[in-house]
């Protein structure tokens, strides 16, 4: 609806719809941003790159074609060394180390 009508909504409504992660007071913005950045930085850099490319590429186009295109990233991710480390960590009940 918003995409096609161009209507604007406020931050709280965008948060409610799940369009944004969270709304924080301006004085807490840096702290909240760094908290999210730390969570992302703790992940595999290779997996973050793959996820970003996949997400950036599925915006427009034929849904079935984009789904098939995205599945290539799933195979690529599975073949990464970090994926094997993640599976080992899961089995060994420990945090993955990247």
PDB file of N, CA and C in Angstrom:
ATOM      1  N   UNK A   1       0.826  -1.192   0.000  1.00  0.00           N
ATOM      2  CA  UNK A   1       0.000   0.000   0.000  1.00  0.00           C
ATOM      3  C   UNK A   1       0.865   1.249   0.000  1.00  0.00           C
ATOM      4  N   UNK A   2       1.797   1.321   0.930  1.00  0.00           N
ATOM      5  CA  UNK A   2       2.645   2.511   1.022  1.00  0.00           C
ATOM      6  C   UNK A   2       3.521   2.673  -0.216  1.00  0.00           C
ATOM      7  N   UNK A   3       4.001   1.562  -0.737  1.00  0.00           N
ATOM      8  CA  UNK A   3       4.859   1.596  -1.917  1.00  0.00           C
ATOM      9  C   UNK A   3       4.123   2.229  -3.102  1.00  0.00           C
ATOM     10  N   UNK A   4       2.873   1.831  -3.304  1.00  0.00           N
ATOM     11  CA  UNK A   4       2.140   2.311  -4.458  1.00  0.00           C
ATOM     12  C   UNK A   4       1.451   3.651  -4.250  1.00  0.00           C
ATOM     13  N   UNK A   5       1.107   3.986  -3.008  1.00  0.00           N
ATOM     14  CA  UNK A   5       0.426   5.255  -2.776  1.00  0.00           C
ATOM     15  C   UNK A   5       1.392   6.386  -2.442  1.00  0.00           C
ATOM     16  N   UNK A   6       2.567   6.038  -1.960  1.00  0.00           N
ATOM     17  CA  UNK A   6       3.524   7.077  -1.590  1.00  0.00           C
ATOM     18  C   UNK A   6       3.172   7.789  -0.299  1.00  0.00           C
ATOM     19  N   UNK A   7       2.193   7.270   0.428  1.00  0.00           N
ATOM     20  CA  UNK A   7       1.824   7.897   1.697  1.00  0.00           C
ATOM     21  C   UNK A   7       2.978   7.784   2.684  1.00  0.00           C
ATOM     22  N   UNK A   8       3.041   8.754   3.569  1.00  0.00           N
ATOM     23  CA  UNK A   8       4.090   8.763   4.578  1.00  0.00           C
ATOM     24  C   UNK A   8       3.519   8.293   5.909  1.00  0.00           C
ATOM     25  N   UNK A   9       4.371   7.624   6.680  1.00  0.00           N
ATOM     26  CA  UNK A   9       3.984   7.203   8.023  1.00  0.00           C
ATOM     27  C   UNK A   9       5.086   7.630   8.974  1.00  0.00           C
ATOM     28  N   UNK A  10       4.759   7.675  10.243  1.00  0.00           N
ATOM     29  CA  UNK A  10       5.732   8.046  11.255  1.00  0.00           C
ATOM     30  C   UNK A  10       6.598   6.866  11.666  1.00  0.00           C
ATOM     31  N   UNK A  11       7.628   7.166  12.434  1.00  0.00           N
ATOM     32  CA  UNK A  11       8.582   6.146  12.864  1.00  0.00           C
ATOM     33  C   UNK A  11       7.919   5.062  13.709  1.00  0.00           C
ATOM     34  N   UNK A  12       7.038   5.440  14.615  1.00  0.00           N
ATOM     35  CA  UNK A  12       6.376   4.435  15.468  1.00  0.00           C
ATOM     36  C   UNK A  12       5.542   3.468  14.636  1.00  0.00           C
ATOM     37  N   UNK A  13       4.835   3.986  13.627  1.00  0.00           N
ATOM     38  CA  UNK A  13       4.033   3.108  12.779  1.00  0.00           C
ATOM     39  C   UNK A  13       4.944   2.216  11.932  1.00  0.00           C
ATOM     40  N   UNK A  14       6.035   2.760  11.431  1.00  0.00           N
ATOM     41  CA  UNK A  14       6.995   1.962  10.662  1.00  0.00           C
ATOM     42  C   UNK A  14       7.579   0.844  11.524  1.00  0.00           C
ATOM     43  N   UNK A  15       7.822   1.142  12.792  1.00  0.00           N
ATOM     44  CA  UNK A  15       8.323   0.117  13.718  1.00  0.00           C
ATOM     45  C   UNK A  15       7.262  -0.964  13.927  1.00  0.00           C
ATOM     46  N   UNK A  16       6.026  -0.546  14.087  1.00  0.00           N
ATOM     47  CA  UNK A  16       4.924  -1.488  14.300  1.00  0.00           C
ATOM     48  C   UNK A  16       4.773  -2.439  13.115  1.00  0.00           C
ATOM     49  N   UNK A  17       4.967  -1.935  11.910  1.00  0.00           N
ATOM     50  CA  UNK A  17       4.874  -2.764  10.702  1.00  0.00           C
ATOM     51  C   UNK A  17       6.120  -3.618  10.486  1.00  0.00           C
ATOM     52  N   UNK A  18       7.180  -3.351  11.222  1.00  0.00           N
ATOM     53  CA  UNK A  18       8.409  -4.109  11.050  1.00  0.00           C
ATOM     54  C   UNK A  18       9.312  -3.569   9.960  1.00  0.00           C
ATOM     55  N   UNK A  19       9.070  -2.328   9.529  1.00  0.00           N
ATOM     56  CA  UNK A  19       9.898  -1.725   8.488  1.00  0.00           C
ATOM     57  C   UNK A  19      11.238  -1.267   9.034  1.00  0.00           C
ATOM     58  N   UNK A  20      11.258  -0.960  10.313  1.00  0.00           N
ATOM     59  CA  UNK A  20      12.490  -0.516  10.962  1.00  0.00           C
ATOM     60  C   UNK A  20      12.692  -1.328  12.238  1.00  0.00           C
ATOM     61  N   UNK A  21      13.921  -1.414  12.682  1.00  0.00           N
ATOM     62  CA  UNK A  21      14.262  -2.250  13.833  1.00  0.00           C
ATOM     63  C   UNK A  21      13.688  -1.686  15.140  1.00  0.00           C
ATOM     64  N   UNK A  22      13.964  -0.409  15.393  1.00  0.00           N
ATOM     65  CA  UNK A  22      13.460   0.194  16.630  1.00  0.00           C
ATOM     66  C   UNK A  22      13.528   1.713  16.556  1.00  0.00           C
ATOM     67  N   UNK A  23      12.774   2.333  17.430  1.00  0.00           N
ATOM     68  CA  UNK A  23      12.776   3.788  17.558  1.00  0.00           C
ATOM     69  C   UNK A  23      13.382   4.104  18.919  1.00  0.00           C
ATOM     70  N   UNK A  24      14.372   4.991  18.932  1.00  0.00           N
ATOM     71  CA  UNK A  24      15.023   5.374  20.181  1.00  0.00           C
ATOM     72  C   UNK A  24      15.102   6.892  20.254  1.00  0.00           C
ATOM     73  N   UNK A  25      15.154   7.441  21.460  1.00  0.00           N
ATOM     74  CA  UNK A  25      15.357   8.879  21.596  1.00  0.00           C
ATOM     75  C   UNK A  25      16.707   9.279  20.987  1.00  0.00           C
ATOM     76  N   UNK A  26      16.792  10.476  20.467  1.00  0.00           N
ATOM     77  CA  UNK A  26      18.004  10.956  19.799  1.00  0.00           C
ATOM     78  C   UNK A  26      19.254  10.757  20.657  1.00  0.00           C
ATOM     79  N   UNK A  27      19.150  10.984  21.959  1.00  0.00           N
ATOM     80  CA  UNK A  27      20.333  10.860  22.821  1.00  0.00           C
ATOM     81  C   UNK A  27      20.803   9.412  22.985  1.00  0.00           C
ATOM     82  N   UNK A  28      19.974   8.444  22.611  1.00  0.00           N
ATOM     83  CA  UNK A  28      20.346   7.026  22.675  1.00  0.00           C
ATOM     84  C   UNK A  28      20.699   6.445  21.305  1.00  0.00           C
ATOM     85  N   UNK A  29      20.656   7.274  20.271  1.00  0.00           N
ATOM     86  CA  UNK A  29      20.858   6.784  18.911  1.00  0.00           C
ATOM     87  C   UNK A  29      22.234   6.167  18.708  1.00  0.00           C
ATOM     88  N   UNK A  30      23.280   6.830  19.146  1.00  0.00           N
ATOM     89  CA  UNK A  30      24.638   6.296  18.952  1.00  0.00           C
ATOM     90  C   UNK A  30      24.802   4.954  19.663  1.00  0.00           C
ATOM     91  N   UNK A  31      24.359   4.880  20.901  1.00  0.00           N
ATOM     92  CA  UNK A  31      24.466   3.636  21.675  1.00  0.00           C
ATOM     93  C   UNK A  31      23.696   2.496  20.995  1.00  0.00           C
ATOM     94  N   UNK A  32      22.477   2.765  20.542  1.00  0.00           N
ATOM     95  CA  UNK A  32      21.666   1.742  19.881  1.00  0.00           C
ATOM     96  C   UNK A  32      22.301   1.314  18.562  1.00  0.00           C
ATOM     97  N   UNK A  33      22.842   2.267  17.831  1.00  0.00           N
ATOM     98  CA  UNK A  33      23.492   1.962  16.558  1.00  0.00           C
ATOM     99  C   UNK A  33      24.712   1.083  16.763  1.00  0.00           C
ATOM    100  N   UNK A  34      25.530   1.417  17.749  1.00  0.00           N
ATOM    101  CA  UNK A  34      26.728   0.624  18.022  1.00  0.00           C
ATOM    102  C   UNK A  34      26.375  -0.772  18.524  1.00  0.00           C
ATOM    103  N   UNK A  35      25.296  -0.892  19.270  1.00  0.00           N
ATOM    104  CA  UNK A  35      24.846  -2.203  19.745  1.00  0.00           C
ATOM    105  C   UNK A  35      24.493  -3.101  18.560  1.00  0.00           C
ATOM    106  N   UNK A  36      23.747  -2.562  17.607  1.00  0.00           N
ATOM    107  CA  UNK A  36      23.382  -3.339  16.421  1.00  0.00           C
ATOM    108  C   UNK A  36      24.620  -3.650  15.585  1.00  0.00           C
ATOM    109  N   UNK A  37      25.500  -2.666  15.423  1.00  0.00           N
ATOM    110  CA  UNK A  37      26.725  -2.867  14.645  1.00  0.00           C
ATOM    111  C   UNK A  37      27.596  -3.959  15.272  1.00  0.00           C
ATOM    112  N   UNK A  38      27.673  -3.982  16.599  1.00  0.00           N
ATOM    113  CA  UNK A  38      28.453  -5.025  17.282  1.00  0.00           C
ATOM    114  C   UNK A  38      27.881  -6.415  17.002  1.00  0.00           C
ATOM    115  N   UNK A  39      26.553  -6.534  16.998  1.00  0.00           N
ATOM    116  CA  UNK A  39      25.924  -7.825  16.718  1.00  0.00           C
ATOM    117  C   UNK A  39      26.247  -8.288  15.296  1.00  0.00           C
ATOM    118  N   UNK A  40      26.189  -7.355  14.351  1.00  0.00           N
ATOM    119  CA  UNK A  40      26.478  -7.696  12.961  1.00  0.00           C
ATOM    120  C   UNK A  40      27.962  -8.023  12.797  1.00  0.00           C
ATOM    121  N   UNK A  41      28.838  -7.232  13.431  1.00  0.00           N
ATOM    122  CA  UNK A  41      30.282  -7.438  13.308  1.00  0.00           C
ATOM    123  C   UNK A  41      30.725  -8.776  13.894  1.00  0.00           C
ATOM    124  N   UNK A  42      29.960  -9.319  14.823  1.00  0.00           N
ATOM    125  CA  UNK A  42      30.311 -10.605  15.427  1.00  0.00           C
ATOM    126  C   UNK A  42      29.998 -11.776  14.493  1.00  0.00           C
ATOM    127  N   UNK A  43      29.251 -11.512  13.439  1.00  0.00           N
ATOM    128  CA  UNK A  43      28.892 -12.561  12.485  1.00  0.00           C
ATOM    129  C   UNK A  43      29.997 -12.737  11.454  1.00  0.00           C
ATOM    130  N   UNK A  44      29.878 -13.766  10.678  1.00  0.00           N
ATOM    131  CA  UNK A  44      30.834 -14.036   9.603  1.00  0.00           C
ATOM    132  C   UNK A  44      30.751 -12.939   8.548  1.00  0.00           C
ATOM    133  N   UNK A  45      31.882 -12.311   8.248  1.00  0.00           N
ATOM    134  CA  UNK A  45      31.909 -11.265   7.224  1.00  0.00           C
ATOM    135  C   UNK A  45      31.495 -11.822   5.866  1.00  0.00           C
ATOM    136  N   UNK A  46      31.906 -13.047   5.565  1.00  0.00           N
ATOM    137  CA  UNK A  46      31.537 -13.663   4.292  1.00  0.00           C
ATOM    138  C   UNK A  46      30.023 -13.836   4.195  1.00  0.00           C
ATOM    139  N   UNK A  47      29.407 -14.276   5.285  1.00  0.00           N
ATOM    140  CA  UNK A  47      27.951 -14.482   5.269  1.00  0.00           C
ATOM    141  C   UNK A  47      27.199 -13.158   5.180  1.00  0.00           C
ATOM    142  N   UNK A  48      27.709 -12.127   5.841  1.00  0.00           N
ATOM    143  CA  UNK A  48      27.072 -10.809   5.761  1.00  0.00           C
ATOM    144  C   UNK A  48      27.126 -10.294   4.326  1.00  0.00           C
ATOM    145  N   UNK A  49      28.270 -10.461   3.650  1.00  0.00           N
ATOM    146  CA  UNK A  49      28.389 -10.032   2.247  1.00  0.00           C
ATOM    147  C   UNK A  49      27.383 -10.777   1.361  1.00  0.00           C
ATOM    148  N   UNK A  50      27.276 -12.082   1.547  1.00  0.00           N
ATOM    149  CA  UNK A  50      26.343 -12.884   0.750  1.00  0.00           C
ATOM    150  C   UNK A  50      24.902 -12.435   1.016  1.00  0.00           C
ATOM    151  N   UNK A  51      24.561 -12.261   2.276  1.00  0.00           N
ATOM    152  CA  UNK A  51      23.198 -11.847   2.632  1.00  0.00           C
ATOM    153  C   UNK A  51      22.870 -10.480   2.042  1.00  0.00           C
ATOM    154  N   UNK A  52      23.824  -9.558   2.110  1.00  0.00           N
ATOM    155  CA  UNK A  52      23.591  -8.211   1.580  1.00  0.00           C
ATOM    156  C   UNK A  52      23.369  -8.260   0.078  1.00  0.00           C
ATOM    157  N   UNK A  53      24.183  -9.019  -0.633  1.00  0.00           N
ATOM    158  CA  UNK A  53      24.017  -9.125  -2.079  1.00  0.00           C
ATOM    159  C   UNK A  53      22.674  -9.755  -2.427  1.00  0.00           C
ATOM    160  N   UNK A  54      22.301 -10.805  -1.702  1.00  0.00           N
ATOM    161  CA  UNK A  54      21.022 -11.469  -1.960  1.00  0.00           C
ATOM    162  C   UNK A  54      19.857 -10.523  -1.708  1.00  0.00           C
ATOM    163  N   UNK A  55      19.888  -9.810  -0.596  1.00  0.00           N
ATOM    164  CA  UNK A  55      18.791  -8.887  -0.268  1.00  0.00           C
ATOM    165  C   UNK A  55      18.708  -7.725  -1.250  1.00  0.00           C
ATOM    166  N   UNK A  56      19.848  -7.204  -1.658  1.00  0.00           N
ATOM    167  CA  UNK A  56      19.848  -6.083  -2.602  1.00  0.00           C
ATOM    168  C   UNK A  56      19.312  -6.497  -3.972  1.00  0.00           C
ATOM    169  N   UNK A  57      19.441  -7.768  -4.318  1.00  0.00           N
ATOM    170  CA  UNK A  57      19.051  -8.205  -5.643  1.00  0.00           C
ATOM    171  C   UNK A  57      17.635  -8.688  -5.804  1.00  0.00           C
ATOM    172  N   UNK A  58      16.883  -8.831  -4.721  1.00  0.00           N
ATOM    173  CA  UNK A  58      15.531  -9.395  -4.844  1.00  0.00           C
ATOM    174  C   UNK A  58      14.431  -8.336  -4.867  1.00  0.00           C
ATOM    175  N   UNK A  59      14.818  -7.077  -4.899  1.00  0.00           N
ATOM    176  CA  UNK A  59      13.834  -5.998  -4.836  1.00  0.00           C
ATOM    177  C   UNK A  59      12.826  -6.018  -5.968  1.00  0.00           C
ATOM    178  N   UNK A  60      13.299  -6.129  -7.193  1.00  0.00           N
ATOM    179  CA  UNK A  60      12.368  -6.042  -8.311  1.00  0.00           C
ATOM    180  C   UNK A  60      12.581  -7.217  -9.265  1.00  0.00           C
ATOM    181  N   UNK A  61      11.662  -7.390 -10.171  1.00  0.00           N
ATOM    182  CA  UNK A  61      11.784  -8.471 -11.138  1.00  0.00           C
ATOM    183  C   UNK A  61      10.796  -9.582 -10.867  1.00  0.00           C
ATOM    184  N   UNK A  62      10.883 -10.595 -11.668  1.00  0.00           N
ATOM    185  CA  UNK A  62      10.014 -11.749 -11.571  1.00  0.00           C
ATOM    186  C   UNK A  62      10.311 -12.511 -10.284  1.00  0.00           C
ATOM    187  N   UNK A  63       9.289 -12.741  -9.488  1.00  0.00           N
ATOM    188  CA  UNK A  63       9.466 -13.364  -8.178  1.00  0.00           C
ATOM    189  C   UNK A  63      10.098 -14.749  -8.281  1.00  0.00           C
ATOM    190  N   UNK A  64       9.639 -15.569  -9.203  1.00  0.00           N
ATOM    191  CA  UNK A  64      10.187 -16.916  -9.341  1.00  0.00           C
ATOM    192  C   UNK A  64      11.661 -16.868  -9.762  1.00  0.00           C
ATOM    193  N   UNK A  65      11.982 -15.992 -10.709  1.00  0.00           N
ATOM    194  CA  UNK A  65      13.379 -15.849 -11.138  1.00  0.00           C
ATOM    195  C   UNK A  65      14.253 -15.374  -9.990  1.00  0.00           C
ATOM    196  N   UNK A  66      13.755 -14.434  -9.211  1.00  0.00           N
ATOM    197  CA  UNK A  66      14.534 -13.906  -8.083  1.00  0.00           C
ATOM    198  C   UNK A  66      14.715 -14.962  -7.000  1.00  0.00           C
ATOM    199  N   UNK A  67      13.702 -15.779  -6.797  1.00  0.00           N
ATOM    200  CA  UNK A  67      13.817 -16.863  -5.823  1.00  0.00           C
ATOM    201  C   UNK A  67      14.913 -17.831  -6.247  1.00  0.00           C
ATOM    202  N   UNK A  68      14.903 -18.214  -7.505  1.00  0.00           N
ATOM    203  CA  UNK A  68      15.935 -19.128  -8.010  1.00  0.00           C
ATOM    204  C   UNK A  68      17.319 -18.482  -7.921  1.00  0.00           C
ATOM    205  N   UNK A  69      17.408 -17.193  -8.230  1.00  0.00           N
ATOM    206  CA  UNK A  69      18.669 -16.457  -8.145  1.00  0.00           C
ATOM    207  C   UNK A  69      19.181 -16.462  -6.700  1.00  0.00           C
ATOM    208  N   UNK A  70      18.280 -16.215  -5.759  1.00  0.00           N
ATOM    209  CA  UNK A  70      18.658 -16.172  -4.345  1.00  0.00           C
ATOM    210  C   UNK A  70      19.140 -17.531  -3.866  1.00  0.00           C
ATOM    211  N   UNK A  71      18.586 -18.601  -4.397  1.00  0.00           N
ATOM    212  CA  UNK A  71      18.997 -19.936  -3.975  1.00  0.00           C
ATOM    213  C   UNK A  71      20.462 -20.212  -4.279  1.00  0.00           C
ATOM    214  N   UNK A  72      21.005 -19.556  -5.290  1.00  0.00           N
ATOM    215  CA  UNK A  72      22.435 -19.670  -5.571  1.00  0.00           C
ATOM    216  C   UNK A  72      23.275 -19.177  -4.408  1.00  0.00           C
ATOM    217  N   UNK A  73      22.790 -18.162  -3.715  1.00  0.00           N
ATOM    218  CA  UNK A  73      23.507 -17.646  -2.549  1.00  0.00           C
ATOM    219  C   UNK A  73      23.460 -18.639  -1.390  1.00  0.00           C
ATOM    220  N   UNK A  74      22.374 -19.393  -1.301  1.00  0.00           N
ATOM    221  CA  UNK A  74      22.277 -20.406  -0.255  1.00  0.00           C
ATOM    222  C   UNK A  74      23.371 -21.451  -0.449  1.00  0.00           C
ATOM    223  N   UNK A  75      23.567 -21.890  -1.674  1.00  0.00           N
ATOM    224  CA  UNK A  75      24.624 -22.852  -1.966  1.00  0.00           C
ATOM    225  C   UNK A  75      26.003 -22.233  -1.702  1.00  0.00           C
ATOM    226  N   UNK A  76      26.183 -20.995  -2.141  1.00  0.00           N
ATOM    227  CA  UNK A  76      27.456 -20.313  -1.903  1.00  0.00           C
ATOM    228  C   UNK A  76      27.741 -20.215  -0.409  1.00  0.00           C
ATOM    229  N   UNK A  77      26.750 -19.842   0.369  1.00  0.00           N
ATOM    230  CA  UNK A  77      26.925 -19.719   1.819  1.00  0.00           C
ATOM    231  C   UNK A  77      27.268 -21.074   2.435  1.00  0.00           C
ATOM    232  N   UNK A  78      26.592 -22.119   2.003  1.00  0.00           N
ATOM    233  CA  UNK A  78      26.837 -23.451   2.550  1.00  0.00           C
ATOM    234  C   UNK A  78      28.281 -23.886   2.301  1.00  0.00           C
ATOM    235  N   UNK A  79      28.835 -23.493   1.181  1.00  0.00           N
ATOM    236  CA  UNK A  79      30.192 -23.897   0.815  1.00  0.00           C
ATOM    237  C   UNK A  79      31.289 -23.060   1.469  1.00  0.00           C
ATOM    238  N   UNK A  80      30.932 -21.999   2.165  1.00  0.00           N
ATOM    239  CA  UNK A  80      31.923 -21.159   2.855  1.00  0.00           C
ATOM    240  C   UNK A  80      32.460 -21.877   4.097  1.00  0.00           C
ATOM    241  N   UNK A  81      33.723 -21.620   4.410  1.00  0.00           N
ATOM    242  CA  UNK A  81      34.335 -22.204   5.615  1.00  0.00           C
ATOM    243  C   UNK A  81      33.576 -21.776   6.872  1.00  0.00           C
ATOM    244  N   UNK A  82      33.098 -20.546   6.887  1.00  0.00           N
ATOM    245  CA  UNK A  82      32.364 -20.061   8.065  1.00  0.00           C
ATOM    246  C   UNK A  82      31.088 -20.863   8.295  1.00  0.00           C
ATOM    247  N   UNK A  83      30.490 -21.359   7.233  1.00  0.00           N
ATOM    248  CA  UNK A  83      29.291 -22.188   7.379  1.00  0.00           C
ATOM    249  C   UNK A  83      29.634 -23.487   8.088  1.00  0.00           C
ATOM    250  N   UNK A  84      30.752 -24.087   7.713  1.00  0.00           N
ATOM    251  CA  UNK A  84      31.186 -25.320   8.380  1.00  0.00           C
ATOM    252  C   UNK A  84      31.470 -25.058   9.855  1.00  0.00           C
ATOM    253  N   UNK A  85      32.099 -23.917  10.156  1.00  0.00           N
ATOM    254  CA  UNK A  85      32.372 -23.556  11.554  1.00  0.00           C
ATOM    255  C   UNK A  85      31.077 -23.384  12.323  1.00  0.00           C
ATOM    256  N   UNK A  86      30.083 -22.782  11.705  1.00  0.00           N
ATOM    257  CA  UNK A  86      28.791 -22.594  12.359  1.00  0.00           C
ATOM    258  C   UNK A  86      28.135 -23.939  12.670  1.00  0.00           C
ATOM    259  N   UNK A  87      28.189 -24.859  11.736  1.00  0.00           N
ATOM    260  CA  UNK A  87      27.599 -26.184  11.969  1.00  0.00           C
ATOM    261  C   UNK A  87      28.337 -26.918  13.084  1.00  0.00           C
ATOM    262  N   UNK A  88      29.677 -26.840  13.082  1.00  0.00           N
ATOM    263  CA  UNK A  88      30.447 -27.492  14.152  1.00  0.00           C
ATOM    264  C   UNK A  88      30.109 -26.880  15.510  1.00  0.00           C
ATOM    265  N   UNK A  89      30.035 -25.567  15.557  1.00  0.00           N
ATOM    266  CA  UNK A  89      29.723 -24.885  16.815  1.00  0.00           C
ATOM    267  C   UNK A  89      28.346 -25.297  17.326  1.00  0.00           C
ATOM    268  N   UNK A  90      27.392 -25.449  16.427  1.00  0.00           N
ATOM    269  CA  UNK A  90      26.053 -25.864  16.825  1.00  0.00           C
ATOM    270  C   UNK A  90      26.102 -27.260  17.450  1.00  0.00           C
ATOM    271  N   UNK A  91      26.764 -28.171  16.799  1.00  0.00           N
ATOM    272  CA  UNK A  91      26.858 -29.551  17.295  1.00  0.00           C
ATOM    273  C   UNK A  91      27.601 -29.594  18.627  1.00  0.00           C
ATOM    274  N   UNK A  92      28.646 -28.777  18.740  1.00  0.00           N
ATOM    275  CA  UNK A  92      29.459 -28.747  19.962  1.00  0.00           C
ATOM    276  C   UNK A  92      28.870 -27.837  21.034  1.00  0.00           C
ATOM    277  N   UNK A  93      27.719 -27.233  20.767  1.00  0.00           N
ATOM    278  CA  UNK A  93      27.017 -26.351  21.710  1.00  0.00           C
ATOM    279  C   UNK A  93      27.907 -25.222  22.224  1.00  0.00           C
ATOM    280  N   UNK A  94      28.500 -24.490  21.261  1.00  0.00           N
ATOM    281  CA  UNK A  94      29.361 -23.359  21.580  1.00  0.00           C
ATOM    282  C   UNK A  94      29.129 -22.249  20.560  1.00  0.00           C
ATOM    283  N   UNK A  95      29.624 -21.059  20.850  1.00  0.00           N
ATOM    284  CA  UNK A  95      29.535 -19.961  19.902  1.00  0.00           C
ATOM    285  C   UNK A  95      30.508 -20.186  18.754  1.00  0.00           C
ATOM    286  N   UNK A  96      30.096 -19.809  17.563  1.00  0.00           N
ATOM    287  CA  UNK A  96      30.992 -19.912  16.407  1.00  0.00           C
ATOM    288  C   UNK A  96      32.079 -18.863  16.518  1.00  0.00           C
ATOM    289  N   UNK A  97      33.244 -19.194  15.999  1.00  0.00           N
ATOM    290  CA  UNK A  97      34.394 -18.271  16.019  1.00  0.00           C
ATOM    291  C   UNK A  97      34.783 -17.949  14.582  1.00  0.00           C
ATOM    292  N   UNK A  98      34.689 -16.673  14.241  1.00  0.00           N
ATOM    293  CA  UNK A  98      35.012 -16.243  12.875  1.00  0.00           C
ATOM    294  C   UNK A  98      36.284 -15.427  12.860  1.00  0.00           C
TER     295      UNK A  98
END
